[in-house]
Every structure is written in structure tokens, then in C-alpha cells.
Amino acid sequence: MSSKAIRIHAYGGPEVMQWEDVPTPEPGPGEALVHQGAVGLNYIDVYFRTGLYKSAAMPVTLGMEGAGTVKAVGPDVSDLKVGDRVAYAGAIGAYATERVIAADKLVKLPDGIDFKTAAAMMLQGMTAQYLLRRTYRVKSGDTILVHAAAGGVGLILCQWAKHLGATVIGVVSTEQKAELARAHGAAHTIIGHANLPAEVKRITGGGMVPVVYDSVGRDTFMPSLDSLAPLGTMVSYGNASGPVPPVDISILAAKGSLFLTRPSLATYTAKRADLEATANDLFDVVRNGAVKIQVNQTFPLKDAGAAHTALESRKTTGSTVLLP
């Protein structure tokens, strides 16, 4: 039996992704074979395609998240059975019609969450969960700053933070994206980052913010630091504009004894109990309607190249899903 997958044989632009026949994998000990219902698109996929993040070997199947149905389980798998609806994030190899994955990376999907929604939200939604609930614990009354507020993680952060009682300042690149961010809970929006600290100062009445969530990277790093209140937390969790250059850490003292962290979902969900708690917290806010997952673009999986082009040219909003 064969399956189909998008694989790359060399790093490069969207054109290096090829739609290929691959043997259907067999699950080994502790693994499950998942027939995929939907696959999520994330900026980390671009990092792996271009070689910013290196893969262990070539060719490699891109993609970090998906949802589907268990078709087979290997030895030593006790808590999953054939037919279970499951989802996952953080395991490369998702751009495929079927894939084998470690069973302990899979979480069971509750009723009421379909594959498309699950594939759109696992990586982005669990990222939002740990950012808001663990990296900096947002509380009612906080005013927080969210970059790329109309993106996949951004729209979830806006909604969830509002649900927690926080006031969100969303940074976006266009007025259309500003409207989208406001519709999802951002109380204030700032277009561009040229005057970011001054705008934050105006909005906060001089108080600045206790936390900045920055997935943009190089272009926004210094303006973000300058938007923080003393003892504020700078959370740099992505680099869509390129990696942040080396930093002289003494500037953290000069700008108000700031905290700086570069977190990853992998660390926050490395323990099975943390993965389940993070996913269940996400499922709860989605099922109770506090967070709505916006799947604003879908592409056939075989057209993943076009999806990458749209993502990189900032033509997408919310989440994008690839359909096998």
C-alpha cells in the first residue's frame, strides 16, 4: 500500500516541495498509524523548508500538526484503539495522507471538534495556552501587547486573553487586519511598529505593559523591549521577520530589570501530563465558545507550495488548513 506526502529533497523556496508516492508506514512499538483528516500550516514549516531549522536527514516530510483517525497501533500501545479520533502538534511529518507517530504525542479529540478545527488549532492553540497561562500568567486587569494579532496564534491570544479579563493591544500590518484583531477581542490596535513604544505609552497612560508576546523577531525586538513596564516580560516565541541578532543582556537592566524568554511548545508539552493539561485547557475554551478557531484558508495538501507562498507574503489571516 502506498500513501502520498509532500517531501523536500533540498532546502529552498516553495518549489522544492514535491507531491510523492511513499510507502504506507507500519507502526512500531509505542506508535500509531493515523489516517489524516486535516493538516495544519504553520510558520515553522517554512523554517524547515528553507533550512533555518535543519532536519536530521533528507528527504523530509514537512508539517508539525494534524488530526485524523487511528488506523493501526503497534505493540505496547494501550490507551489508543483503531477508530479513535486524535490530534497532535510538534511532530514533523504531517504533510502526508497517512503517517506513523509516537502514540504518546496523540491526544484524543472530544466530540464537537472536527478534524479541520483540530488541525488548525493544536500547535497555535497550545502555544497560546502556555504563553498566557504559564510563560507569563495573564490575569484580569492586565494590559498586554500581542504582535501579529491577526495571525493564527494572534487571534487565539486576543480571544483567550480577553476571556481571562485582560486588555489586549494588537499589533498588525494593515487596517483590514486591525479590524480582524478587534473583532476577536483586541481592545486597541496599532498598525506597524515604527512608533510602537509611543503608541503603547499613549494607550496605557504611561504605564506600559507587563508582557509582550512577539512572534515577529528581528524587526520588532527592540520596540517590544521599549514597550515594557519595569520588571516586564519579553516573550520572543517566533521570528517571522528573521532571527533576533545577538543581544547584550545589560540592556535588560537598563530598560527596567526586564525578563526575556524564548520558549517553545516542545518544552512546555514534553511531559505527557503537561501535554494533556495543555490540550484539555484548549479544548475547554474552544468548546465553551470563549475561543473561536478561524480557518480562513484551505488548500489541497498537494498544493502546499501555494499555501506557503500565501503565508510568506502575509496574505493569510487566522489559520490555514491543508486537506489530504
C-alpha atoms as a PDB file:
ATOM      1  CA  MET A   1       0.000   0.000   0.000  1.00  0.00           C
ATOM      2  CA  SER A   2       1.204   3.500  -0.741  1.00  0.00           C
ATOM      3  CA  SER A   3       0.324   6.904   0.604  1.00  0.00           C
ATOM      4  CA  LYS A   4       1.055  10.418  -0.649  1.00  0.00           C
ATOM      5  CA  ALA A   5       3.247  13.014   1.022  1.00  0.00           C
ATOM      6  CA  ILE A   6       4.785  16.426   0.390  1.00  0.00           C
ATOM      7  CA  ARG A   7       8.540  15.965   0.717  1.00  0.00           C
ATOM      8  CA  ILE A   8      11.603  18.118   0.167  1.00  0.00           C
ATOM      9  CA  HIS A   9      14.956  16.795  -1.072  1.00  0.00           C
ATOM     10  CA  ALA A  10      16.787  20.122  -0.601  1.00  0.00           C
ATOM     11  CA  TYR A  11      16.184  23.410   1.216  1.00  0.00           C
ATOM     12  CA  GLY A  12      14.717  26.297  -0.763  1.00  0.00           C
ATOM     13  CA  GLY A  13      11.563  28.099  -1.848  1.00  0.00           C
ATOM     14  CA  PRO A  14       8.047  26.644  -2.124  1.00  0.00           C
ATOM     15  CA  GLU A  15       9.053  24.983  -5.406  1.00  0.00           C
ATOM     16  CA  VAL A  16      11.217  22.400  -3.564  1.00  0.00           C
ATOM     17  CA  MET A  17       8.104  20.734  -2.134  1.00  0.00           C
ATOM     18  CA  GLN A  18       7.125  17.643  -4.130  1.00  0.00           C
ATOM     19  CA  TRP A  19       3.936  15.560  -4.003  1.00  0.00           C
ATOM     20  CA  GLU A  20       5.191  11.987  -3.977  1.00  0.00           C
ATOM     21  CA  ASP A  21       4.087   8.392  -3.539  1.00  0.00           C
ATOM     22  CA  VAL A  22       5.509   6.939  -0.330  1.00  0.00           C
ATOM     23  CA  PRO A  23       5.078   3.505   1.259  1.00  0.00           C
ATOM     24  CA  THR A  24       2.382   3.433   3.924  1.00  0.00           C
ATOM     25  CA  PRO A  25       4.374   3.170   7.158  1.00  0.00           C
ATOM     26  CA  GLU A  26       3.858   0.412   9.717  1.00  0.00           C
ATOM     27  CA  PRO A  27       3.528   1.427  13.364  1.00  0.00           C
ATOM     28  CA  GLY A  28       6.310   0.094  15.573  1.00  0.00           C
ATOM     29  CA  PRO A  29       6.358  -0.303  19.363  1.00  0.00           C
ATOM     30  CA  GLY A  30       4.641   2.640  21.040  1.00  0.00           C
ATOM     31  CA  GLU A  31       3.438   4.054  17.711  1.00  0.00           C
ATOM     32  CA  ALA A  32       0.128   4.540  15.894  1.00  0.00           C
ATOM     33  CA  LEU A  33      -0.768   4.867  12.196  1.00  0.00           C
ATOM     34  CA  VAL A  34      -3.055   7.866  11.644  1.00  0.00           C
ATOM     35  CA  HIS A  35      -5.172   8.420   8.531  1.00  0.00           C
ATOM     36  CA  GLN A  36      -5.137  12.198   8.361  1.00  0.00           C
ATOM     37  CA  GLY A  37      -8.328  14.202   8.047  1.00  0.00           C
ATOM     38  CA  ALA A  38      -6.625  17.600   8.006  1.00  0.00           C
ATOM     39  CA  VAL A  39      -3.133  19.069   8.372  1.00  0.00           C
ATOM     40  CA  GLY A  40      -2.192  22.420   9.892  1.00  0.00           C
ATOM     41  CA  LEU A  41       0.041  25.047   8.237  1.00  0.00           C
ATOM     42  CA  ASN A  42       2.498  26.910  10.470  1.00  0.00           C
ATOM     43  CA  TYR A  43       5.421  29.279  10.053  1.00  0.00           C
ATOM     44  CA  ILE A  44       7.729  26.616  11.490  1.00  0.00           C
ATOM     45  CA  ASP A  45       7.068  24.629   8.274  1.00  0.00           C
ATOM     46  CA  VAL A  46       8.689  27.490   6.329  1.00  0.00           C
ATOM     47  CA  TYR A  47      11.693  27.428   8.694  1.00  0.00           C
ATOM     48  CA  PHE A  48      12.184  23.708   7.982  1.00  0.00           C
ATOM     49  CA  ARG A  49      11.706  24.192   4.221  1.00  0.00           C
ATOM     50  CA  THR A  50      14.273  26.981   3.962  1.00  0.00           C
ATOM     51  CA  GLY A  51      16.796  25.309   6.261  1.00  0.00           C
ATOM     52  CA  LEU A  52      16.595  27.907   9.059  1.00  0.00           C
ATOM     53  CA  TYR A  53      15.700  24.829  11.105  1.00  0.00           C
ATOM     54  CA  LYS A  54      17.676  21.785   9.960  1.00  0.00           C
ATOM     55  CA  SER A  55      16.137  18.330   9.607  1.00  0.00           C
ATOM     56  CA  ALA A  56      18.113  15.231  10.563  1.00  0.00           C
ATOM     57  CA  ALA A  57      18.025  13.701   7.082  1.00  0.00           C
ATOM     58  CA  MET A  58      16.697  14.208   3.555  1.00  0.00           C
ATOM     59  CA  PRO A  59      14.204  13.762   2.058  1.00  0.00           C
ATOM     60  CA  VAL A  60      11.934  15.067   4.782  1.00  0.00           C
ATOM     61  CA  THR A  61       8.155  15.324   5.028  1.00  0.00           C
ATOM     62  CA  LEU A  62       7.228  18.768   6.361  1.00  0.00           C
ATOM     63  CA  GLY A  63       4.414  19.668   8.737  1.00  0.00           C
ATOM     64  CA  MET A  64       4.051  19.682  12.510  1.00  0.00           C
ATOM     65  CA  GLU A  65       0.363  19.153  13.265  1.00  0.00           C
ATOM     66  CA  GLY A  66      -2.704  17.302  12.122  1.00  0.00           C
ATOM     67  CA  ALA A  67      -5.819  15.401  13.094  1.00  0.00           C
ATOM     68  CA  GLY A  68      -7.307  12.148  11.921  1.00  0.00           C
ATOM     69  CA  THR A  69      -8.331   8.594  12.744  1.00  0.00           C
ATOM     70  CA  VAL A  70      -6.200   5.816  14.201  1.00  0.00           C
ATOM     71  CA  LYS A  71      -5.883   3.027  11.585  1.00  0.00           C
ATOM     72  CA  ALA A  72      -3.481   0.731  13.423  1.00  0.00           C
ATOM     73  CA  VAL A  73      -1.443   0.611  16.622  1.00  0.00           C
ATOM     74  CA  GLY A  74       1.904  -1.006  17.273  1.00  0.00           C
ATOM     75  CA  PRO A  75       2.916  -3.148  20.257  1.00  0.00           C
ATOM     76  CA  ASP A  76       2.874  -1.525  23.709  1.00  0.00           C
ATOM     77  CA  VAL A  77       0.064   0.915  22.854  1.00  0.00           C
ATOM     78  CA  SER A  78      -2.692   0.506  25.408  1.00  0.00           C
ATOM     79  CA  ASP A  79      -4.605   3.779  25.559  1.00  0.00           C
ATOM     80  CA  LEU A  80      -5.462   4.094  21.843  1.00  0.00           C
ATOM     81  CA  LYS A  81      -7.531   1.858  19.600  1.00  0.00           C
ATOM     82  CA  VAL A  82      -8.383   1.676  15.903  1.00  0.00           C
ATOM     83  CA  GLY A  83     -11.082   4.247  15.112  1.00  0.00           C
ATOM     84  CA  ASP A  84     -10.119   6.789  17.783  1.00  0.00           C
ATOM     85  CA  ARG A  85     -10.233  10.420  16.657  1.00  0.00           C
ATOM     86  CA  VAL A  86      -6.919  12.061  17.540  1.00  0.00           C
ATOM     87  CA  ALA A  87      -4.871  15.222  17.053  1.00  0.00           C
ATOM     88  CA  TYR A  88      -1.267  16.227  17.624  1.00  0.00           C
ATOM     89  CA  ALA A  89       1.249  19.034  17.292  1.00  0.00           C
ATOM     90  CA  GLY A  90       5.002  19.258  17.305  1.00  0.00           C
ATOM     91  CA  ALA A  91       5.891  16.067  15.405  1.00  0.00           C
ATOM     92  CA  ILE A  92       7.387  16.649  11.954  1.00  0.00           C
ATOM     93  CA  GLY A  93       5.943  14.602   9.088  1.00  0.00           C
ATOM     94  CA  ALA A  94       2.369  15.897   8.912  1.00  0.00           C
ATOM     95  CA  TYR A  95       2.166  16.708   5.174  1.00  0.00           C
ATOM     96  CA  ALA A  96       1.028  13.169   4.338  1.00  0.00           C
ATOM     97  CA  THR A  97      -2.212  11.285   3.774  1.00  0.00           C
ATOM     98  CA  GLU A  98      -1.150   8.772   6.437  1.00  0.00           C
ATOM     99  CA  ARG A  99       1.611   8.875   8.996  1.00  0.00           C
ATOM    100  CA  VAL A 100       3.095   6.968  11.890  1.00  0.00           C
ATOM    101  CA  ILE A 101       3.567   8.894  15.115  1.00  0.00           C
ATOM    102  CA  ALA A 102       4.500   8.119  18.713  1.00  0.00           C
ATOM    103  CA  ALA A 103       1.243   7.320  20.493  1.00  0.00           C
ATOM    104  CA  ASP A 104       2.185   9.492  23.469  1.00  0.00           C
ATOM    105  CA  LYS A 105       2.155  12.555  21.154  1.00  0.00           C
ATOM    106  CA  LEU A 106      -1.522  11.980  20.320  1.00  0.00           C
ATOM    107  CA  VAL A 107      -4.454  13.363  22.268  1.00  0.00           C
ATOM    108  CA  LYS A 108      -7.998  12.136  21.831  1.00  0.00           C
ATOM    109  CA  LEU A 109     -10.349  14.655  20.263  1.00  0.00           C
ATOM    110  CA  PRO A 110     -13.526  15.397  22.198  1.00  0.00           C
ATOM    111  CA  ASP A 111     -16.899  15.310  20.441  1.00  0.00           C
ATOM    112  CA  GLY A 112     -17.793  18.616  18.843  1.00  0.00           C
ATOM    113  CA  ILE A 113     -14.317  19.400  17.498  1.00  0.00           C
ATOM    114  CA  ASP A 114     -13.867  18.352  13.859  1.00  0.00           C
ATOM    115  CA  PHE A 115     -10.592  17.474  12.131  1.00  0.00           C
ATOM    116  CA  LYS A 116     -10.312  20.807  10.323  1.00  0.00           C
ATOM    117  CA  THR A 117     -10.690  22.798  13.542  1.00  0.00           C
ATOM    118  CA  ALA A 118      -8.312  20.474  15.400  1.00  0.00           C
ATOM    119  CA  ALA A 119      -5.622  20.661  12.709  1.00  0.00           C
ATOM    120  CA  ALA A 120      -5.940  24.454  12.723  1.00  0.00           C
ATOM    121  CA  MET A 121      -5.597  24.829  16.474  1.00  0.00           C
ATOM    122  CA  MET A 122      -3.334  22.248  18.066  1.00  0.00           C
ATOM    123  CA  LEU A 123       0.024  23.948  17.554  1.00  0.00           C
ATOM    124  CA  GLN A 124      -1.279  27.508  17.612  1.00  0.00           C
ATOM    125  CA  GLY A 125      -3.811  26.929  20.396  1.00  0.00           C
ATOM    126  CA  MET A 126      -1.468  25.020  22.692  1.00  0.00           C
ATOM    127  CA  THR A 127       1.142  27.724  22.049  1.00  0.00           C
ATOM    128  CA  ALA A 128      -1.392  30.353  23.134  1.00  0.00           C
ATOM    129  CA  GLN A 129      -2.223  28.264  26.200  1.00  0.00           C
ATOM    130  CA  TYR A 130       1.310  28.019  27.562  1.00  0.00           C
ATOM    131  CA  LEU A 131       2.086  31.663  26.664  1.00  0.00           C
ATOM    132  CA  LEU A 132      -0.942  33.001  28.557  1.00  0.00           C
ATOM    133  CA  ARG A 133      -1.154  30.503  31.406  1.00  0.00           C
ATOM    134  CA  ARG A 134       2.457  29.582  32.119  1.00  0.00           C
ATOM    135  CA  THR A 135       5.195  31.715  30.478  1.00  0.00           C
ATOM    136  CA  TYR A 136       3.523  34.824  31.877  1.00  0.00           C
ATOM    137  CA  ARG A 137       0.324  34.129  33.771  1.00  0.00           C
ATOM    138  CA  VAL A 138      -2.107  36.719  32.406  1.00  0.00           C
ATOM    139  CA  LYS A 139      -4.605  37.911  34.981  1.00  0.00           C
ATOM    140  CA  SER A 140      -7.728  40.035  34.938  1.00  0.00           C
ATOM    141  CA  GLY A 141      -6.836  43.716  34.671  1.00  0.00           C
ATOM    142  CA  ASP A 142      -3.552  43.187  32.775  1.00  0.00           C
ATOM    143  CA  THR A 143      -2.929  45.142  29.565  1.00  0.00           C
ATOM    144  CA  ILE A 144      -0.819  43.027  27.218  1.00  0.00           C
ATOM    145  CA  LEU A 145       0.832  43.532  23.832  1.00  0.00           C
ATOM    146  CA  VAL A 146       0.380  40.916  21.070  1.00  0.00           C
ATOM    147  CA  HIS A 147       2.313  41.071  17.790  1.00  0.00           C
ATOM    148  CA  ALA A 148       0.862  39.556  14.582  1.00  0.00           C
ATOM    149  CA  ALA A 149      -2.505  39.837  16.288  1.00  0.00           C
ATOM    150  CA  ALA A 150      -4.431  38.805  13.148  1.00  0.00           C
ATOM    151  CA  GLY A 151      -2.385  35.633  12.637  1.00  0.00           C
ATOM    152  CA  GLY A 152      -3.252  32.145  13.814  1.00  0.00           C
ATOM    153  CA  VAL A 153      -1.728  32.354  17.285  1.00  0.00           C
ATOM    154  CA  GLY A 154      -2.557  36.060  17.486  1.00  0.00           C
ATOM    155  CA  LEU A 155      -6.310  35.662  17.059  1.00  0.00           C
ATOM    156  CA  ILE A 156      -6.352  32.926  19.697  1.00  0.00           C
ATOM    157  CA  LEU A 157      -4.265  35.057  22.089  1.00  0.00           C
ATOM    158  CA  CYS A 158      -6.634  38.013  21.631  1.00  0.00           C
ATOM    159  CA  GLN A 159      -9.743  35.964  22.396  1.00  0.00           C
ATOM    160  CA  TRP A 160      -8.291  33.950  25.252  1.00  0.00           C
ATOM    161  CA  ALA A 161      -6.672  36.955  26.949  1.00  0.00           C
ATOM    162  CA  LYS A 162      -9.977  38.855  26.777  1.00  0.00           C
ATOM    163  CA  HIS A 163     -11.704  35.796  28.269  1.00  0.00           C
ATOM    164  CA  LEU A 164      -9.187  35.995  31.145  1.00  0.00           C
ATOM    165  CA  GLY A 165     -10.114  39.647  31.727  1.00  0.00           C
ATOM    166  CA  ALA A 166      -7.087  41.261  30.104  1.00  0.00           C
ATOM    167  CA  THR A 167      -6.990  44.253  27.760  1.00  0.00           C
ATOM    168  CA  VAL A 168      -5.216  43.385  24.507  1.00  0.00           C
ATOM    169  CA  ILE A 169      -3.206  45.795  22.360  1.00  0.00           C
ATOM    170  CA  GLY A 170      -2.781  44.067  18.997  1.00  0.00           C
ATOM    171  CA  VAL A 171      -0.011  44.979  16.546  1.00  0.00           C
ATOM    172  CA  VAL A 172      -0.853  44.329  12.875  1.00  0.00           C
ATOM    173  CA  SER A 173       0.337  45.365   9.410  1.00  0.00           C
ATOM    174  CA  THR A 174      -2.894  46.630   7.784  1.00  0.00           C
ATOM    175  CA  GLU A 175      -6.217  48.231   8.694  1.00  0.00           C
ATOM    176  CA  GLN A 176      -8.023  45.090   7.469  1.00  0.00           C
ATOM    177  CA  LYS A 177      -6.005  43.007   9.931  1.00  0.00           C
ATOM    178  CA  ALA A 178      -6.686  45.556  12.653  1.00  0.00           C
ATOM    179  CA  GLU A 179     -10.426  45.068  12.136  1.00  0.00           C
ATOM    180  CA  LEU A 180      -9.974  41.316  12.382  1.00  0.00           C
ATOM    181  CA  ALA A 181      -7.983  41.599  15.614  1.00  0.00           C
ATOM    182  CA  ARG A 182     -10.591  43.909  17.136  1.00  0.00           C
ATOM    183  CA  ALA A 183     -13.364  41.507  16.144  1.00  0.00           C
ATOM    184  CA  HIS A 184     -11.526  38.813  18.117  1.00  0.00           C
ATOM    185  CA  GLY A 185     -11.045  40.714  21.335  1.00  0.00           C
ATOM    186  CA  ALA A 186      -8.259  43.255  20.832  1.00  0.00           C
ATOM    187  CA  ALA A 187      -9.333  46.436  22.627  1.00  0.00           C
ATOM    188  CA  HIS A 188      -6.693  48.524  20.809  1.00  0.00           C
ATOM    189  CA  THR A 189      -4.744  48.028  17.594  1.00  0.00           C
ATOM    190  CA  ILE A 190      -1.507  49.529  16.333  1.00  0.00           C
ATOM    191  CA  ILE A 191      -0.637  49.353  12.632  1.00  0.00           C
ATOM    192  CA  GLY A 192       3.082  48.822  12.149  1.00  0.00           C
ATOM    193  CA  HIS A 193       5.788  49.096  14.781  1.00  0.00           C
ATOM    194  CA  ALA A 194       7.523  52.361  13.795  1.00  0.00           C
ATOM    195  CA  ASN A 195       6.142  54.242  16.824  1.00  0.00           C
ATOM    196  CA  LEU A 196       5.309  51.241  18.971  1.00  0.00           C
ATOM    197  CA  PRO A 197       6.585  52.390  22.399  1.00  0.00           C
ATOM    198  CA  ALA A 198       4.977  55.831  21.963  1.00  0.00           C
ATOM    199  CA  GLU A 199       1.637  54.255  20.975  1.00  0.00           C
ATOM    200  CA  VAL A 200       1.769  51.830  23.915  1.00  0.00           C
ATOM    201  CA  LYS A 201       2.593  54.741  26.238  1.00  0.00           C
ATOM    202  CA  ARG A 202      -0.410  56.687  24.905  1.00  0.00           C
ATOM    203  CA  ILE A 203      -2.807  53.729  25.235  1.00  0.00           C
ATOM    204  CA  THR A 204      -1.624  52.789  28.730  1.00  0.00           C
ATOM    205  CA  GLY A 205      -1.431  56.339  30.024  1.00  0.00           C
ATOM    206  CA  GLY A 206       2.288  55.956  30.532  1.00  0.00           C
ATOM    207  CA  GLY A 207       2.119  52.658  32.400  1.00  0.00           C
ATOM    208  CA  MET A 208       3.429  50.459  29.546  1.00  0.00           C
ATOM    209  CA  VAL A 209       2.729  46.678  29.589  1.00  0.00           C
ATOM    210  CA  PRO A 210       3.826  43.785  31.835  1.00  0.00           C
ATOM    211  CA  VAL A 211       4.278  41.373  28.908  1.00  0.00           C
ATOM    212  CA  VAL A 212       4.884  41.423  25.155  1.00  0.00           C
ATOM    213  CA  TYR A 213       4.173  38.340  23.024  1.00  0.00           C
ATOM    214  CA  ASP A 214       6.399  38.697  19.948  1.00  0.00           C
ATOM    215  CA  SER A 215       6.455  36.162  17.106  1.00  0.00           C
ATOM    216  CA  VAL A 216       7.913  38.606  14.569  1.00  0.00           C
ATOM    217  CA  GLY A 217      11.513  38.602  15.762  1.00  0.00           C
ATOM    218  CA  ARG A 218      14.233  40.819  14.365  1.00  0.00           C
ATOM    219  CA  ASP A 219      12.136  43.811  13.269  1.00  0.00           C
ATOM    220  CA  THR A 220      10.138  44.183  16.485  1.00  0.00           C
ATOM    221  CA  PHE A 221      12.523  43.053  19.215  1.00  0.00           C
ATOM    222  CA  MET A 222      13.815  46.458  20.378  1.00  0.00           C
ATOM    223  CA  PRO A 223      10.456  48.277  20.058  1.00  0.00           C
ATOM    224  CA  SER A 224       8.954  45.438  22.111  1.00  0.00           C
ATOM    225  CA  LEU A 225      11.514  45.830  24.898  1.00  0.00           C
ATOM    226  CA  ASP A 226      10.805  49.577  24.943  1.00  0.00           C
ATOM    227  CA  SER A 227       7.079  48.898  25.386  1.00  0.00           C
ATOM    228  CA  LEU A 228       7.545  47.003  28.661  1.00  0.00           C
ATOM    229  CA  ALA A 229       6.987  48.313  32.159  1.00  0.00           C
ATOM    230  CA  PRO A 230       9.799  47.788  34.672  1.00  0.00           C
ATOM    231  CA  LEU A 231      10.097  44.094  35.582  1.00  0.00           C
ATOM    232  CA  GLY A 232       8.166  43.287  32.394  1.00  0.00           C
ATOM    233  CA  THR A 233       8.462  40.015  30.472  1.00  0.00           C
ATOM    234  CA  MET A 234       9.585  39.895  26.844  1.00  0.00           C
ATOM    235  CA  VAL A 235       8.336  36.657  25.276  1.00  0.00           C
ATOM    236  CA  SER A 236      10.030  36.099  21.907  1.00  0.00           C
ATOM    237  CA  TYR A 237       8.377  32.972  20.522  1.00  0.00           C
ATOM    238  CA  GLY A 238       8.950  33.250  16.762  1.00  0.00           C
ATOM    239  CA  ASN A 239      10.923  35.054  14.083  1.00  0.00           C
ATOM    240  CA  ALA A 240       8.753  35.693  11.030  1.00  0.00           C
ATOM    241  CA  SER A 241      10.926  38.704  10.111  1.00  0.00           C
ATOM    242  CA  GLY A 242      14.184  36.841  10.755  1.00  0.00           C
ATOM    243  CA  PRO A 243      16.143  35.799  13.854  1.00  0.00           C
ATOM    244  CA  VAL A 244      16.809  38.323  16.591  1.00  0.00           C
ATOM    245  CA  PRO A 245      20.508  39.324  16.470  1.00  0.00           C
ATOM    246  CA  PRO A 246      22.745  38.680  19.495  1.00  0.00           C
ATOM    247  CA  VAL A 247      21.710  40.814  22.468  1.00  0.00           C
ATOM    248  CA  ASP A 248      23.876  42.490  25.100  1.00  0.00           C
ATOM    249  CA  ILE A 249      21.931  41.366  28.167  1.00  0.00           C
ATOM    250  CA  SER A 250      22.878  44.507  30.099  1.00  0.00           C
ATOM    251  CA  ILE A 251      20.141  46.310  28.139  1.00  0.00           C
ATOM    252  CA  LEU A 252      17.606  44.290  30.160  1.00  0.00           C
ATOM    253  CA  ALA A 253      18.866  46.066  33.289  1.00  0.00           C
ATOM    254  CA  ALA A 254      18.966  49.459  31.604  1.00  0.00           C
ATOM    255  CA  LYS A 255      15.391  49.149  30.355  1.00  0.00           C
ATOM    256  CA  GLY A 256      13.915  48.197  33.740  1.00  0.00           C
ATOM    257  CA  SER A 257      15.202  44.824  35.017  1.00  0.00           C
ATOM    258  CA  LEU A 258      13.304  43.041  32.274  1.00  0.00           C
ATOM    259  CA  PHE A 259      12.793  39.304  31.839  1.00  0.00           C
ATOM    260  CA  LEU A 260      13.495  37.737  28.428  1.00  0.00           C
ATOM    261  CA  THR A 261      12.474  34.238  27.369  1.00  0.00           C
ATOM    262  CA  ARG A 262      12.497  32.251  24.121  1.00  0.00           C
ATOM    263  CA  PRO A 263      10.025  29.441  24.844  1.00  0.00           C
ATOM    264  CA  SER A 264       8.938  26.501  22.695  1.00  0.00           C
ATOM    265  CA  LEU A 265       5.858  24.296  22.721  1.00  0.00           C
ATOM    266  CA  ALA A 266       8.095  21.212  22.746  1.00  0.00           C
ATOM    267  CA  THR A 267       9.466  22.028  26.200  1.00  0.00           C
ATOM    268  CA  TYR A 268       6.094  23.001  27.652  1.00  0.00           C
ATOM    269  CA  THR A 269       4.474  19.742  26.473  1.00  0.00           C
ATOM    270  CA  ALA A 270       7.433  17.363  26.883  1.00  0.00           C
ATOM    271  CA  LYS A 271       5.794  15.595  29.828  1.00  0.00           C
ATOM    272  CA  ARG A 272       2.654  13.629  28.988  1.00  0.00           C
ATOM    273  CA  ALA A 273       0.737  15.219  31.874  1.00  0.00           C
ATOM    274  CA  ASP A 274       1.606  18.706  30.591  1.00  0.00           C
ATOM    275  CA  LEU A 275       0.565  17.804  27.033  1.00  0.00           C
ATOM    276  CA  GLU A 276      -2.818  16.535  28.243  1.00  0.00           C
ATOM    277  CA  ALA A 277      -3.399  19.519  30.531  1.00  0.00           C
ATOM    278  CA  THR A 278      -2.457  21.994  27.783  1.00  0.00           C
ATOM    279  CA  ALA A 279      -4.678  20.291  25.181  1.00  0.00           C
ATOM    280  CA  ASN A 280      -7.605  19.913  27.555  1.00  0.00           C
ATOM    281  CA  ASP A 281      -7.441  23.587  28.558  1.00  0.00           C
ATOM    282  CA  LEU A 282      -7.555  24.456  24.853  1.00  0.00           C
ATOM    283  CA  PHE A 283     -10.446  22.064  24.139  1.00  0.00           C
ATOM    284  CA  ASP A 284     -12.402  23.621  27.040  1.00  0.00           C
ATOM    285  CA  VAL A 285     -12.164  27.227  25.793  1.00  0.00           C
ATOM    286  CA  VAL A 286     -12.994  26.173  22.232  1.00  0.00           C
ATOM    287  CA  ARG A 287     -15.982  24.059  23.258  1.00  0.00           C
ATOM    288  CA  ASN A 288     -17.396  26.759  25.551  1.00  0.00           C
ATOM    289  CA  GLY A 289     -17.104  29.348  22.768  1.00  0.00           C
ATOM    290  CA  ALA A 290     -14.584  31.628  24.501  1.00  0.00           C
ATOM    291  CA  VAL A 291     -12.132  30.978  21.645  1.00  0.00           C
ATOM    292  CA  LYS A 292     -13.302  30.516  18.069  1.00  0.00           C
ATOM    293  CA  ILE A 293     -10.797  28.996  15.661  1.00  0.00           C
ATOM    294  CA  GLN A 294     -10.744  30.920  12.387  1.00  0.00           C
ATOM    295  CA  VAL A 295      -9.915  28.642   9.461  1.00  0.00           C
ATOM    296  CA  ASN A 296      -9.690  31.416   6.878  1.00  0.00           C
ATOM    297  CA  GLN A 297      -7.851  29.476   4.154  1.00  0.00           C
ATOM    298  CA  THR A 298      -7.875  25.865   2.990  1.00  0.00           C
ATOM    299  CA  PHE A 299      -5.677  24.303   0.303  1.00  0.00           C
ATOM    300  CA  PRO A 300      -5.441  20.757  -1.027  1.00  0.00           C
ATOM    301  CA  LEU A 301      -2.398  19.130   0.588  1.00  0.00           C
ATOM    302  CA  LYS A 302      -0.852  18.621  -2.851  1.00  0.00           C
ATOM    303  CA  ASP A 303      -0.880  22.431  -3.266  1.00  0.00           C
ATOM    304  CA  ALA A 304       1.139  23.058  -0.090  1.00  0.00           C
ATOM    305  CA  GLY A 305       3.546  25.214  -2.128  1.00  0.00           C
ATOM    306  CA  ALA A 306       0.788  27.715  -2.863  1.00  0.00           C
ATOM    307  CA  ALA A 307      -0.135  27.738   0.823  1.00  0.00           C
ATOM    308  CA  HIS A 308       3.475  28.543   1.768  1.00  0.00           C
ATOM    309  CA  THR A 309       3.564  31.367  -0.783  1.00  0.00           C
ATOM    310  CA  ALA A 310       0.372  32.860   0.691  1.00  0.00           C
ATOM    311  CA  LEU A 311       1.692  32.558   4.252  1.00  0.00           C
ATOM    312  CA  GLU A 312       5.076  34.127   3.479  1.00  0.00           C
ATOM    313  CA  SER A 313       3.560  37.030   1.528  1.00  0.00           C
ATOM    314  CA  ARG A 314       1.316  37.848   4.536  1.00  0.00           C
ATOM    315  CA  LYS A 315      -1.814  37.133   2.535  1.00  0.00           C
ATOM    316  CA  THR A 316      -3.263  34.787   5.166  1.00  0.00           C
ATOM    317  CA  THR A 317      -5.213  35.587   8.326  1.00  0.00           C
ATOM    318  CA  GLY A 318      -6.175  33.230  11.118  1.00  0.00           C
ATOM    319  CA  SER A 319      -5.421  29.579  10.463  1.00  0.00           C
ATOM    320  CA  THR A 320      -4.735  27.710   7.227  1.00  0.00           C
ATOM    321  CA  VAL A 321      -5.532  24.023   6.791  1.00  0.00           C
ATOM    322  CA  LEU A 322      -4.284  21.569   4.175  1.00  0.00           C
ATOM    323  CA  LEU A 323      -6.735  18.845   3.170  1.00  0.00           C
ATOM    324  CA  PRO A 324      -5.278  15.455   2.108  1.00  0.00           C
END
